[in-house]
Amino acid sequence: MNACEFLNSVRVLDSRIRMKMNQVASLRDSLTSPASPFGQEKVSGSKNVGAMGNSVALIIDIDKDIERLREELAMRQKEILYLLDQIKPEYASVLFSYYLEGKSTKEIGTSRFLSRRQIQRLLKAGTVQFQSALDRHYADM
């Protein structure tokens, strides 16, 4: 995996977690909605009872996925922070702001009194250093 993909994986994981959390919220809302057919009294063996059980099982499965993704995200963040410690601080801080905090090059430049172009150069040079640290890290494993 290259440095950009590795650093972007935090955003991807976070996005997947949020998507799954929205799915769970939607399923829970449908189960507890007054208009939900699940709330109506039905005879055992009706389609609604099976659908409710399926929805509950799906919520449990998605919750497990969310927990697994959160653990993966925490491990990836820890690994990225370790690798950022291996490169020059001026590059590490720009990479951290851009990839982990999700700031734009304009936002980073404004806070550091640098132009967008200067930030882009720092990102490019930092990515090269990060790639070297990443390669060394995986070569040692």
C-alpha atoms as a PDB file:
ATOM      1  CA  MET A   1       0.000   0.000   0.000  1.00  0.00           C
ATOM      2  CA  ASN A   2       1.351   3.411  -0.829  1.00  0.00           C
ATOM      3  CA  ALA A   3       1.544   6.286   1.653  1.00  0.00           C
ATOM      4  CA  CYS A   4      -1.514   8.162   0.367  1.00  0.00           C
ATOM      5  CA  GLU A   5      -3.693   5.044   0.457  1.00  0.00           C
ATOM      6  CA  PHE A   6      -2.409   4.208   3.926  1.00  0.00           C
ATOM      7  CA  LEU A   7      -3.124   7.706   5.244  1.00  0.00           C
ATOM      8  CA  ASN A   8      -6.510   7.899   3.480  1.00  0.00           C
ATOM      9  CA  SER A   9      -7.539   4.566   4.986  1.00  0.00           C
ATOM     10  CA  VAL A  10      -8.422   6.460   8.187  1.00  0.00           C
ATOM     11  CA  ARG A  11     -11.027   8.501   6.304  1.00  0.00           C
ATOM     12  CA  VAL A  12     -12.340   5.387   4.570  1.00  0.00           C
ATOM     13  CA  LEU A  13     -12.709   3.494   7.841  1.00  0.00           C
ATOM     14  CA  ASP A  14     -14.374   6.466   9.512  1.00  0.00           C
ATOM     15  CA  SER A  15     -16.787   6.777   6.589  1.00  0.00           C
ATOM     16  CA  ARG A  16     -17.678   3.086   6.774  1.00  0.00           C
ATOM     17  CA  ILE A  17     -18.330   3.362  10.504  1.00  0.00           C
ATOM     18  CA  ARG A  18     -20.627   6.354  10.018  1.00  0.00           C
ATOM     19  CA  MET A  19     -22.481   4.583   7.196  1.00  0.00           C
ATOM     20  CA  LYS A  20     -23.072   1.488   9.329  1.00  0.00           C
ATOM     21  CA  MET A  21     -24.162   3.608  12.286  1.00  0.00           C
ATOM     22  CA  ASN A  22     -26.733   5.282  10.033  1.00  0.00           C
ATOM     23  CA  GLN A  23     -27.957   1.854   8.908  1.00  0.00           C
ATOM     24  CA  VAL A  24     -28.402   0.748  12.520  1.00  0.00           C
ATOM     25  CA  ALA A  25     -30.219   3.975  13.412  1.00  0.00           C
ATOM     26  CA  SER A  26     -32.546   3.538  10.446  1.00  0.00           C
ATOM     27  CA  LEU A  27     -33.283  -0.076  11.361  1.00  0.00           C
ATOM     28  CA  ARG A  28     -33.921   0.841  14.993  1.00  0.00           C
ATOM     29  CA  ASP A  29     -36.241   3.640  13.910  1.00  0.00           C
ATOM     30  CA  SER A  30     -38.197   1.254  11.709  1.00  0.00           C
ATOM     31  CA  LEU A  31     -38.539  -1.193  14.610  1.00  0.00           C
ATOM     32  CA  THR A  32     -39.790   1.431  17.050  1.00  0.00           C
ATOM     33  CA  SER A  33     -41.878   3.524  14.668  1.00  0.00           C
ATOM     34  CA  PRO A  34     -45.581   3.721  15.535  1.00  0.00           C
ATOM     35  CA  ALA A  35     -46.347   3.061  11.861  1.00  0.00           C
ATOM     36  CA  SER A  36     -44.163  -0.051  11.914  1.00  0.00           C
ATOM     37  CA  PRO A  37     -45.992  -3.300  11.221  1.00  0.00           C
ATOM     38  CA  PHE A  38     -43.775  -4.902  13.887  1.00  0.00           C
ATOM     39  CA  GLY A  39     -45.695  -3.166  16.663  1.00  0.00           C
ATOM     40  CA  GLN A  40     -49.001  -4.696  15.664  1.00  0.00           C
ATOM     41  CA  GLU A  41     -50.175  -7.772  17.473  1.00  0.00           C
ATOM     42  CA  LYS A  42     -49.762 -10.738  15.144  1.00  0.00           C
ATOM     43  CA  VAL A  43     -50.212 -14.446  15.393  1.00  0.00           C
ATOM     44  CA  SER A  44     -47.005 -16.388  15.852  1.00  0.00           C
ATOM     45  CA  GLY A  45     -45.536 -17.434  12.526  1.00  0.00           C
ATOM     46  CA  SER A  46     -46.677 -14.336  10.655  1.00  0.00           C
ATOM     47  CA  LYS A  47     -44.320 -12.602   8.239  1.00  0.00           C
ATOM     48  CA  ASN A  48     -43.944  -9.610  10.567  1.00  0.00           C
ATOM     49  CA  VAL A  49     -42.473 -11.695  13.389  1.00  0.00           C
ATOM     50  CA  GLY A  50     -39.833 -13.100  11.026  1.00  0.00           C
ATOM     51  CA  ALA A  51     -39.076  -9.664   9.612  1.00  0.00           C
ATOM     52  CA  MET A  52     -38.629  -8.247  13.106  1.00  0.00           C
ATOM     53  CA  GLY A  53     -36.249 -11.059  14.053  1.00  0.00           C
ATOM     54  CA  ASN A  54     -34.305 -10.516  10.840  1.00  0.00           C
ATOM     55  CA  SER A  55     -34.043  -6.796  11.562  1.00  0.00           C
ATOM     56  CA  VAL A  56     -32.795  -7.416  15.095  1.00  0.00           C
ATOM     57  CA  ALA A  57     -30.256  -9.962  13.824  1.00  0.00           C
ATOM     58  CA  LEU A  58     -29.096  -7.494  11.174  1.00  0.00           C
ATOM     59  CA  ILE A  59     -28.647  -4.786  13.820  1.00  0.00           C
ATOM     60  CA  ILE A  60     -26.540  -7.161  15.921  1.00  0.00           C
ATOM     61  CA  ASP A  61     -24.390  -8.087  12.905  1.00  0.00           C
ATOM     62  CA  ILE A  62     -23.885  -4.461  11.909  1.00  0.00           C
ATOM     63  CA  ASP A  63     -22.989  -3.536  15.516  1.00  0.00           C
ATOM     64  CA  LYS A  64     -20.299  -6.241  15.440  1.00  0.00           C
ATOM     65  CA  ASP A  65     -18.992  -4.820  12.146  1.00  0.00           C
ATOM     66  CA  ILE A  66     -18.901  -1.340  13.672  1.00  0.00           C
ATOM     67  CA  GLU A  67     -16.895  -2.594  16.649  1.00  0.00           C
ATOM     68  CA  ARG A  68     -14.455  -4.418  14.359  1.00  0.00           C
ATOM     69  CA  LEU A  69     -14.052  -1.299  12.183  1.00  0.00           C
ATOM     70  CA  ARG A  70     -13.493   0.883  15.271  1.00  0.00           C
ATOM     71  CA  GLU A  71     -10.729  -1.443  16.444  1.00  0.00           C
ATOM     72  CA  GLU A  72      -9.173  -1.405  12.968  1.00  0.00           C
ATOM     73  CA  LEU A  73      -9.416   2.406  12.885  1.00  0.00           C
ATOM     74  CA  ALA A  74      -7.755   2.728  16.311  1.00  0.00           C
ATOM     75  CA  MET A  75      -4.917   0.417  15.261  1.00  0.00           C
ATOM     76  CA  ARG A  76      -4.422   2.288  11.972  1.00  0.00           C
ATOM     77  CA  GLN A  77      -4.368   5.650  13.742  1.00  0.00           C
ATOM     78  CA  LYS A  78      -1.833   4.331  16.238  1.00  0.00           C
ATOM     79  CA  GLU A  79       0.331   3.017  13.402  1.00  0.00           C
ATOM     80  CA  ILE A  80       0.113   6.316  11.503  1.00  0.00           C
ATOM     81  CA  LEU A  81       1.070   8.301  14.592  1.00  0.00           C
ATOM     82  CA  TYR A  82       4.046   6.014  15.123  1.00  0.00           C
ATOM     83  CA  LEU A  83       5.155   6.528  11.498  1.00  0.00           C
ATOM     84  CA  LEU A  84       4.599  10.301  11.686  1.00  0.00           C
ATOM     85  CA  ASP A  85       7.061  10.338  14.599  1.00  0.00           C
ATOM     86  CA  GLN A  86       9.661   8.927  12.194  1.00  0.00           C
ATOM     87  CA  ILE A  87       9.590  11.904   9.797  1.00  0.00           C
ATOM     88  CA  LYS A  88      10.406  15.605  10.059  1.00  0.00           C
ATOM     89  CA  PRO A  89       7.954  17.415  12.358  1.00  0.00           C
ATOM     90  CA  GLU A  90       7.006  20.070   9.769  1.00  0.00           C
ATOM     91  CA  TYR A  91       5.938  17.305   7.380  1.00  0.00           C
ATOM     92  CA  ALA A  92       4.288  15.223  10.077  1.00  0.00           C
ATOM     93  CA  SER A  93       2.116  18.097  11.287  1.00  0.00           C
ATOM     94  CA  VAL A  94       0.900  18.912   7.765  1.00  0.00           C
ATOM     95  CA  LEU A  95       0.156  15.251   7.025  1.00  0.00           C
ATOM     96  CA  PHE A  96      -1.651  14.952  10.372  1.00  0.00           C
ATOM     97  CA  SER A  97      -3.795  18.025   9.684  1.00  0.00           C
ATOM     98  CA  TYR A  98      -4.629  16.933   6.157  1.00  0.00           C
ATOM     99  CA  TYR A  99      -5.238  13.211   6.573  1.00  0.00           C
ATOM    100  CA  LEU A 100      -6.256  12.722  10.195  1.00  0.00           C
ATOM    101  CA  GLU A 101      -8.032  15.988  10.910  1.00  0.00           C
ATOM    102  CA  GLY A 102      -9.458  16.277   7.382  1.00  0.00           C
ATOM    103  CA  LYS A 103      -8.413  19.892   6.895  1.00  0.00           C
ATOM    104  CA  SER A 104      -8.055  21.332   3.407  1.00  0.00           C
ATOM    105  CA  THR A 105      -4.783  22.732   2.096  1.00  0.00           C
ATOM    106  CA  LYS A 106      -6.352  26.193   2.307  1.00  0.00           C
ATOM    107  CA  GLU A 107      -7.288  25.706   5.995  1.00  0.00           C
ATOM    108  CA  ILE A 108      -3.819  24.403   6.834  1.00  0.00           C
ATOM    109  CA  GLY A 109      -2.167  27.268   4.959  1.00  0.00           C
ATOM    110  CA  THR A 110      -4.304  29.878   6.685  1.00  0.00           C
ATOM    111  CA  SER A 111      -3.480  28.540  10.144  1.00  0.00           C
ATOM    112  CA  ARG A 112       0.258  28.471   9.341  1.00  0.00           C
ATOM    113  CA  PHE A 113       0.407  31.671   7.294  1.00  0.00           C
ATOM    114  CA  LEU A 114       1.521  29.718   4.217  1.00  0.00           C
ATOM    115  CA  SER A 115       0.129  29.597   0.704  1.00  0.00           C
ATOM    116  CA  ARG A 116      -1.796  26.602  -0.598  1.00  0.00           C
ATOM    117  CA  ARG A 117       1.109  25.882  -2.908  1.00  0.00           C
ATOM    118  CA  GLN A 118       3.558  25.785   0.016  1.00  0.00           C
ATOM    119  CA  ILE A 119       1.257  23.381   1.844  1.00  0.00           C
ATOM    120  CA  GLN A 120       1.005  21.208  -1.271  1.00  0.00           C
ATOM    121  CA  ARG A 121       4.802  21.072  -1.439  1.00  0.00           C
ATOM    122  CA  LEU A 122       4.995  20.121   2.239  1.00  0.00           C
ATOM    123  CA  LEU A 123       2.363  17.424   1.675  1.00  0.00           C
ATOM    124  CA  LYS A 124       4.275  16.027  -1.287  1.00  0.00           C
ATOM    125  CA  ALA A 125       7.631  15.999   0.525  1.00  0.00           C
ATOM    126  CA  GLY A 126       5.978  14.640   3.669  1.00  0.00           C
ATOM    127  CA  THR A 127       4.315  11.861   1.694  1.00  0.00           C
ATOM    128  CA  VAL A 128       7.696  10.831   0.280  1.00  0.00           C
ATOM    129  CA  GLN A 129       9.198  10.702   3.782  1.00  0.00           C
ATOM    130  CA  PHE A 130       6.132   8.897   5.119  1.00  0.00           C
ATOM    131  CA  GLN A 131       6.429   6.317   2.323  1.00  0.00           C
ATOM    132  CA  SER A 132      10.032   5.674   3.318  1.00  0.00           C
ATOM    133  CA  ALA A 133       9.025   5.250   6.970  1.00  0.00           C
ATOM    134  CA  LEU A 134       6.176   2.963   5.911  1.00  0.00           C
ATOM    135  CA  ASP A 135       8.500   0.824   3.774  1.00  0.00           C
ATOM    136  CA  ARG A 136      11.030   0.547   6.615  1.00  0.00           C
ATOM    137  CA  HIS A 137       8.272  -0.332   9.066  1.00  0.00           C
ATOM    138  CA  TYR A 138       6.954  -3.178   6.948  1.00  0.00           C
ATOM    139  CA  ALA A 139      10.445  -4.365   6.020  1.00  0.00           C
ATOM    140  CA  ASP A 140      11.163  -4.801   9.744  1.00  0.00           C
ATOM    141  CA  MET A 141       8.046  -6.909  10.283  1.00  0.00           C
END
